[in-house]
PDB file of N, CA and C in Angstrom:
ATOM      1  N   MET A   1      68.696   9.467 -12.486  1.00  0.00           N
ATOM      2  CA  MET A   1      69.087  10.306 -11.363  1.00  0.00           C
ATOM      3  C   MET A   1      68.524   9.688 -10.094  1.00  0.00           C
ATOM      4  N   ALA A   2      69.360   9.576  -9.101  1.00  0.00           N
ATOM      5  CA  ALA A   2      68.923   9.075  -7.803  1.00  0.00           C
ATOM      6  C   ALA A   2      69.217  10.123  -6.743  1.00  0.00           C
ATOM      7  N   TRP A   3      68.208  10.429  -5.960  1.00  0.00           N
ATOM      8  CA  TRP A   3      68.403  11.324  -4.832  1.00  0.00           C
ATOM      9  C   TRP A   3      68.519  10.454  -3.594  1.00  0.00           C
ATOM     10  N   ILE A   4      69.632  10.620  -2.887  1.00  0.00           N
ATOM     11  CA  ILE A   4      69.896   9.839  -1.689  1.00  0.00           C
ATOM     12  C   ILE A   4      69.773  10.764  -0.488  1.00  0.00           C
ATOM     13  N   THR A   5      68.840  10.465   0.397  1.00  0.00           N
ATOM     14  CA  THR A   5      68.620  11.303   1.573  1.00  0.00           C
ATOM     15  C   THR A   5      69.752  11.084   2.567  1.00  0.00           C
ATOM     16  N   MET A   6      70.412  12.180   2.927  1.00  0.00           N
ATOM     17  CA  MET A   6      71.516  12.132   3.883  1.00  0.00           C
ATOM     18  C   MET A   6      71.071  12.600   5.272  1.00  0.00           C
ATOM     19  N   LEU A   7      70.064  13.476   5.317  1.00  0.00           N
ATOM     20  CA  LEU A   7      69.538  14.011   6.575  1.00  0.00           C
ATOM     21  C   LEU A   7      68.078  14.348   6.348  1.00  0.00           C
ATOM     22  N   HIS A   8      67.238  13.962   7.289  1.00  0.00           N
ATOM     23  CA  HIS A   8      65.823  14.318   7.173  1.00  0.00           C
ATOM     24  C   HIS A   8      65.309  14.733   8.541  1.00  0.00           C
ATOM     25  N   ARG A   9      64.862  15.943   8.635  1.00  0.00           N
ATOM     26  CA  ARG A   9      64.245  16.476   9.846  1.00  0.00           C
ATOM     27  C   ARG A   9      62.876  17.022   9.454  1.00  0.00           C
ATOM     28  N   GLU A  10      62.139  17.488  10.431  1.00  0.00           N
ATOM     29  CA  GLU A  10      60.771  17.946  10.172  1.00  0.00           C
ATOM     30  C   GLU A  10      60.695  19.007   9.073  1.00  0.00           C
ATOM     31  N   GLN A  11      61.609  19.963   9.089  1.00  0.00           N
ATOM     32  CA  GLN A  11      61.544  21.060   8.120  1.00  0.00           C
ATOM     33  C   GLN A  11      62.779  21.163   7.230  1.00  0.00           C
ATOM     34  N   LEU A  12      63.685  20.202   7.307  1.00  0.00           N
ATOM     35  CA  LEU A  12      64.915  20.264   6.525  1.00  0.00           C
ATOM     36  C   LEU A  12      65.300  18.883   6.030  1.00  0.00           C
ATOM     37  N   SER A  13      65.613  18.795   4.752  1.00  0.00           N
ATOM     38  CA  SER A  13      66.165  17.567   4.178  1.00  0.00           C
ATOM     39  C   SER A  13      67.423  17.933   3.416  1.00  0.00           C
ATOM     40  N   VAL A  14      68.418  17.054   3.501  1.00  0.00           N
ATOM     41  CA  VAL A  14      69.642  17.214   2.729  1.00  0.00           C
ATOM     42  C   VAL A  14      69.795  15.937   1.910  1.00  0.00           C
ATOM     43  N   LYS A  15      69.901  16.113   0.593  1.00  0.00           N
ATOM     44  CA  LYS A  15      69.971  14.968  -0.305  1.00  0.00           C
ATOM     45  C   LYS A  15      71.162  15.100  -1.237  1.00  0.00           C
ATOM     46  N   LEU A  16      71.666  13.959  -1.665  1.00  0.00           N
ATOM     47  CA  LEU A  16      72.717  13.895  -2.664  1.00  0.00           C
ATOM     48  C   LEU A  16      72.074  13.559  -3.996  1.00  0.00           C
ATOM     49  N   ASP A  17      72.330  14.368  -5.002  1.00  0.00           N
ATOM     50  CA  ASP A  17      71.924  14.063  -6.371  1.00  0.00           C
ATOM     51  C   ASP A  17      73.143  13.423  -7.027  1.00  0.00           C
ATOM     52  N   ASP A  18      73.152  12.089  -7.078  1.00  0.00           N
ATOM     53  CA  ASP A  18      74.370  11.418  -7.534  1.00  0.00           C
ATOM     54  C   ASP A  18      74.600  11.542  -9.032  1.00  0.00           C
ATOM     55  N   LYS A  19      73.583  11.871  -9.795  1.00  0.00           N
ATOM     56  CA  LYS A  19      73.781  12.067 -11.232  1.00  0.00           C
ATOM     57  C   LYS A  19      74.494  13.392 -11.498  1.00  0.00           C
ATOM     58  N   ASP A  20      74.012  14.453 -10.872  1.00  0.00           N
ATOM     59  CA  ASP A  20      74.572  15.788 -11.087  1.00  0.00           C
ATOM     60  C   ASP A  20      75.699  16.120 -10.116  1.00  0.00           C
ATOM     61  N   GLU A  21      75.989  15.209  -9.193  1.00  0.00           N
ATOM     62  CA  GLU A  21      77.018  15.427  -8.177  1.00  0.00           C
ATOM     63  C   GLU A  21      76.813  16.766  -7.460  1.00  0.00           C
ATOM     64  N   ALA A  22      75.624  16.909  -6.899  1.00  0.00           N
ATOM     65  CA  ALA A  22      75.261  18.146  -6.214  1.00  0.00           C
ATOM     66  C   ALA A  22      74.476  17.797  -4.951  1.00  0.00           C
ATOM     67  N   ALA A  23      74.426  18.753  -4.042  1.00  0.00           N
ATOM     68  CA  ALA A  23      73.614  18.616  -2.835  1.00  0.00           C
ATOM     69  C   ALA A  23      72.305  19.350  -3.053  1.00  0.00           C
ATOM     70  N   LEU A  24      71.250  18.798  -2.512  1.00  0.00           N
ATOM     71  CA  LEU A  24      69.944  19.451  -2.539  1.00  0.00           C
ATOM     72  C   LEU A  24      69.540  19.718  -1.101  1.00  0.00           C
ATOM     73  N   LEU A  25      69.331  20.974  -0.774  1.00  0.00           N
ATOM     74  CA  LEU A  25      68.820  21.354   0.540  1.00  0.00           C
ATOM     75  C   LEU A  25      67.356  21.708   0.342  1.00  0.00           C
ATOM     76  N   GLU A  26      66.490  21.030   1.039  1.00  0.00           N
ATOM     77  CA  GLU A  26      65.064  21.280   0.904  1.00  0.00           C
ATOM     78  C   GLU A  26      64.529  21.739   2.249  1.00  0.00           C
ATOM     79  N   VAL A  27      63.933  22.918   2.258  1.00  0.00           N
ATOM     80  CA  VAL A  27      63.406  23.508   3.481  1.00  0.00           C
ATOM     81  C   VAL A  27      61.920  23.775   3.278  1.00  0.00           C
ATOM     82  N   ASN A  28      61.121  23.443   4.291  1.00  0.00           N
ATOM     83  CA  ASN A  28      59.701  23.761   4.191  1.00  0.00           C
ATOM     84  C   ASN A  28      59.277  24.596   5.387  1.00  0.00           C
ATOM     85  N   ASP A  29      58.160  25.284   5.226  1.00  0.00           N
ATOM     86  CA  ASP A  29      57.716  26.199   6.275  1.00  0.00           C
ATOM     87  C   ASP A  29      56.936  25.506   7.390  1.00  0.00           C
ATOM     88  N   GLY A  30      56.695  24.221   7.269  1.00  0.00           N
ATOM     89  CA  GLY A  30      56.050  23.473   8.341  1.00  0.00           C
ATOM     90  C   GLY A  30      54.569  23.727   8.495  1.00  0.00           C
ATOM     91  N   GLY A  31      53.955  24.389   7.542  1.00  0.00           N
ATOM     92  CA  GLY A  31      52.527  24.669   7.640  1.00  0.00           C
ATOM     93  C   GLY A  31      51.681  23.451   7.333  1.00  0.00           C
ATOM     94  N   ILE A  32      50.368  23.620   7.386  1.00  0.00           N
ATOM     95  CA  ILE A  32      49.440  22.529   7.091  1.00  0.00           C
ATOM     96  C   ILE A  32      49.657  22.018   5.671  1.00  0.00           C
ATOM     97  N   ALA A  33      49.825  22.927   4.738  1.00  0.00           N
ATOM     98  CA  ALA A  33      50.188  22.587   3.354  1.00  0.00           C
ATOM     99  C   ALA A  33      51.534  23.257   3.111  1.00  0.00           C
ATOM    100  N   PRO A  34      52.632  22.596   3.509  1.00  0.00           N
ATOM    101  CA  PRO A  34      53.935  23.251   3.499  1.00  0.00           C
ATOM    102  C   PRO A  34      54.390  23.708   2.118  1.00  0.00           C
ATOM    103  N   SER A  35      55.033  24.851   2.112  1.00  0.00           N
ATOM    104  CA  SER A  35      55.689  25.363   0.911  1.00  0.00           C
ATOM    105  C   SER A  35      57.159  24.978   1.002  1.00  0.00           C
ATOM    106  N   TYR A  36      57.709  24.532  -0.108  1.00  0.00           N
ATOM    107  CA  TYR A  36      59.091  24.058  -0.133  1.00  0.00           C
ATOM    108  C   TYR A  36      59.987  24.982  -0.939  1.00  0.00           C
ATOM    109  N   VAL A  37      61.224  25.077  -0.496  1.00  0.00           N
ATOM    110  CA  VAL A  37      62.279  25.744  -1.260  1.00  0.00           C
ATOM    111  C   VAL A  37      63.408  24.731  -1.362  1.00  0.00           C
ATOM    112  N   THR A  38      63.892  24.510  -2.581  1.00  0.00           N
ATOM    113  CA  THR A  38      65.003  23.591  -2.796  1.00  0.00           C
ATOM    114  C   THR A  38      66.182  24.364  -3.358  1.00  0.00           C
ATOM    115  N   VAL A  39      67.342  24.164  -2.737  1.00  0.00           N
ATOM    116  CA  VAL A  39      68.572  24.821  -3.166  1.00  0.00           C
ATOM    117  C   VAL A  39      69.536  23.745  -3.630  1.00  0.00           C
ATOM    118  N   ARG A  40      70.054  23.903  -4.838  1.00  0.00           N
ATOM    119  CA  ARG A  40      71.033  22.965  -5.392  1.00  0.00           C
ATOM    120  C   ARG A  40      72.413  23.582  -5.234  1.00  0.00           C
ATOM    121  N   LEU A  41      73.341  22.828  -4.622  1.00  0.00           N
ATOM    122  CA  LEU A  41      74.685  23.335  -4.360  1.00  0.00           C
ATOM    123  C   LEU A  41      75.738  22.471  -5.050  1.00  0.00           C
ATOM    124  N   SER A  42      76.690  23.136  -5.682  1.00  0.00           N
ATOM    125  CA  SER A  42      77.832  22.444  -6.272  1.00  0.00           C
ATOM    126  C   SER A  42      78.846  22.131  -5.177  1.00  0.00           C
ATOM    127  N   GLU A  43      79.888  21.411  -5.531  1.00  0.00           N
ATOM    128  CA  GLU A  43      80.918  21.053  -4.549  1.00  0.00           C
ATOM    129  C   GLU A  43      81.525  22.294  -3.901  1.00  0.00           C
ATOM    130  N   HIS A  44      81.832  23.307  -4.703  1.00  0.00           N
ATOM    131  CA  HIS A  44      82.421  24.546  -4.177  1.00  0.00           C
ATOM    132  C   HIS A  44      81.437  25.249  -3.236  1.00  0.00           C
ATOM    133  N   GLU A  45      80.186  25.291  -3.606  1.00  0.00           N
ATOM    134  CA  GLU A  45      79.180  25.944  -2.764  1.00  0.00           C
ATOM    135  C   GLU A  45      78.966  25.175  -1.461  1.00  0.00           C
ATOM    136  N   ILE A  46      79.084  23.857  -1.512  1.00  0.00           N
ATOM    137  CA  ILE A  46      78.979  23.049  -0.292  1.00  0.00           C
ATOM    138  C   ILE A  46      80.098  23.426   0.666  1.00  0.00           C
ATOM    139  N   ASP A  47      81.323  23.550   0.143  1.00  0.00           N
ATOM    140  CA  ASP A  47      82.464  23.945   0.981  1.00  0.00           C
ATOM    141  C   ASP A  47      82.234  25.306   1.618  1.00  0.00           C
ATOM    142  N   GLU A  48      81.725  26.256   0.838  1.00  0.00           N
ATOM    143  CA  GLU A  48      81.448  27.590   1.372  1.00  0.00           C
ATOM    144  C   GLU A  48      80.385  27.550   2.460  1.00  0.00           C
ATOM    145  N   LEU A  49      79.343  26.742   2.253  1.00  0.00           N
ATOM    146  CA  LEU A  49      78.284  26.616   3.250  1.00  0.00           C
ATOM    147  C   LEU A  49      78.821  26.000   4.540  1.00  0.00           C
ATOM    148  N   ILE A  50      79.637  24.960   4.417  1.00  0.00           N
ATOM    149  CA  ILE A  50      80.230  24.332   5.598  1.00  0.00           C
ATOM    150  C   ILE A  50      81.067  25.337   6.377  1.00  0.00           C
ATOM    151  N   GLU A  51      81.882  26.116   5.683  1.00  0.00           N
ATOM    152  CA  GLU A  51      82.712  27.131   6.353  1.00  0.00           C
ATOM    153  C   GLU A  51      81.844  28.159   7.063  1.00  0.00           C
ATOM    154  N   ALA A  52      80.787  28.608   6.407  1.00  0.00           N
ATOM    155  CA  ALA A  52      79.902  29.597   7.015  1.00  0.00           C
ATOM    156  C   ALA A  52      79.212  29.026   8.258  1.00  0.00           C
ATOM    157  N   LEU A  53      78.766  27.785   8.170  1.00  0.00           N
ATOM    158  CA  LEU A  53      78.116  27.157   9.319  1.00  0.00           C
ATOM    159  C   LEU A  53      79.090  26.950  10.474  1.00  0.00           C
ATOM    160  N   GLN A  54      80.336  26.639  10.169  1.00  0.00           N
ATOM    161  CA  GLN A  54      81.335  26.495  11.232  1.00  0.00           C
ATOM    162  C   GLN A  54      81.600  27.827  11.916  1.00  0.00           C
ATOM    163  N   ARG A  55      81.636  28.917  11.145  1.00  0.00           N
ATOM    164  CA  ARG A  55      81.825  30.248  11.744  1.00  0.00           C
ATOM    165  C   ARG A  55      80.632  30.603  12.630  1.00  0.00           C
ATOM    166  N   ILE A  56      79.438  30.271  12.173  1.00  0.00           N
ATOM    167  CA  ILE A  56      78.236  30.540  12.973  1.00  0.00           C
ATOM    168  C   ILE A  56      78.284  29.731  14.269  1.00  0.00           C
ATOM    169  N   LYS A  57      78.647  28.472  14.156  1.00  0.00           N
ATOM    170  CA  LYS A  57      78.718  27.612  15.347  1.00  0.00           C
ATOM    171  C   LYS A  57      79.705  28.188  16.362  1.00  0.00           C
ATOM    172  N   GLN A  58      80.854  28.645  15.924  1.00  0.00           N
ATOM    173  CA  GLN A  58      81.860  29.232  16.819  1.00  0.00           C
ATOM    174  C   GLN A  58      81.319  30.507  17.462  1.00  0.00           C
ATOM    175  N   ALA A  59      80.559  31.269  16.706  1.00  0.00           N
ATOM    176  CA  ALA A  59      80.033  32.536  17.222  1.00  0.00           C
ATOM    177  C   ALA A  59      78.970  32.322  18.300  1.00  0.00           C
ATOM    178  N   ILE A  60      78.262  31.202  18.231  1.00  0.00           N
ATOM    179  CA  ILE A  60      77.185  30.991  19.211  1.00  0.00           C
ATOM    180  C   ILE A  60      77.606  30.128  20.385  1.00  0.00           C
ATOM    181  N   LEU A  61      78.816  29.628  20.385  1.00  0.00           N
ATOM    182  CA  LEU A  61      79.285  28.808  21.517  1.00  0.00           C
ATOM    183  C   LEU A  61      79.646  29.651  22.707  1.00  0.00           C
TER     184      LEU A  61
END
């Protein structure tokens, strides 16, 4: 399994799990000893997330 980093910011990473063909969203709280939450998304869930983010973007413009 190879995780390929697609986006890396201070508190957010987006990775491709090429073995499982899934996205990994990793979010941390940014503390001194950060706590992490990792969410694994299938192709369908990725599409739903993209649609939701596009609706949010339109709402805040």
